[in-house]
């Protein structure tokens, strides 16, 4: 009998490592990390809204 997974929950932790580099490189790294975090947040919000929509349609 096959098993169907209807919902998958993925959890992760983002750790910021402190680097001993120049302030310019450090600021660029922080900006890039902030961009990456915003992308992840946007994707998570989109997925949550899709799940809520599916649950509402049931």
Protein backbone atom coordinates (compact mmCIF):
# COMPACT_ATOMS: atom_id res chain seq x y z
CA UNK A 1 0.00 0.00 0.00
CA UNK A 2 1.61 3.29 -1.07
CA UNK A 3 1.98 6.17 1.36
CA UNK A 4 1.13 9.69 0.23
CA UNK A 5 2.73 12.62 2.02
CA UNK A 6 0.36 15.57 1.84
CA UNK A 7 2.36 17.98 3.93
CA UNK A 8 6.04 18.16 4.76
CA UNK A 9 7.46 20.36 7.48
CA UNK A 10 11.08 21.44 7.20
CA UNK A 11 12.80 23.25 10.03
CA UNK A 12 16.20 24.85 9.92
CA UNK A 13 18.39 27.14 11.94
CA UNK A 14 20.49 29.88 10.42
CA UNK A 15 23.61 30.65 12.41
CA UNK A 16 25.57 33.77 11.69
CA UNK A 17 29.29 33.25 12.10
CA UNK A 18 31.36 36.24 13.10
CA UNK A 19 34.31 36.78 10.81
CA UNK A 20 37.40 38.86 11.50
CA UNK A 21 37.61 40.68 8.17
CA UNK A 22 37.49 44.27 7.00
CA UNK A 23 34.36 46.27 7.74
CA UNK A 24 33.49 46.61 4.03
CA UNK A 25 33.50 42.87 3.50
CA UNK A 26 31.59 42.40 6.73
CA UNK A 27 28.91 44.91 5.67
CA UNK A 28 28.59 43.22 2.25
CA UNK A 29 28.23 39.85 3.96
CA UNK A 30 25.52 41.17 6.26
CA UNK A 31 23.63 42.73 3.35
CA UNK A 32 23.80 39.48 1.41
CA UNK A 33 22.66 37.52 4.42
CA UNK A 34 19.77 39.92 4.92
CA UNK A 35 18.77 39.46 1.26
CA UNK A 36 18.95 35.70 1.66
CA UNK A 37 16.84 35.85 4.81
CA UNK A 38 14.23 37.98 3.07
CA UNK A 39 14.05 35.50 0.20
CA UNK A 40 13.60 32.63 2.63
CA UNK A 41 10.90 34.52 4.54
CA UNK A 42 9.03 35.34 1.32
CA UNK A 43 9.10 31.70 0.23
CA UNK A 44 7.89 30.53 3.64
CA UNK A 45 5.02 33.01 3.65
CA UNK A 46 4.02 31.90 0.17
CA UNK A 47 4.03 28.22 1.19
CA UNK A 48 2.02 28.91 4.35
CA UNK A 49 -0.58 30.82 2.35
CA UNK A 50 -0.81 27.92 -0.13
CA UNK A 51 -1.33 25.44 2.72
CA UNK A 52 -4.00 27.63 4.31
CA UNK A 53 -5.76 27.96 0.95
CA UNK A 54 -5.76 24.17 0.49
CA UNK A 55 -7.13 23.65 3.99
CA UNK A 56 -9.87 26.21 3.39
CA UNK A 57 -10.89 24.44 0.16
CA UNK A 58 -11.37 21.08 1.90
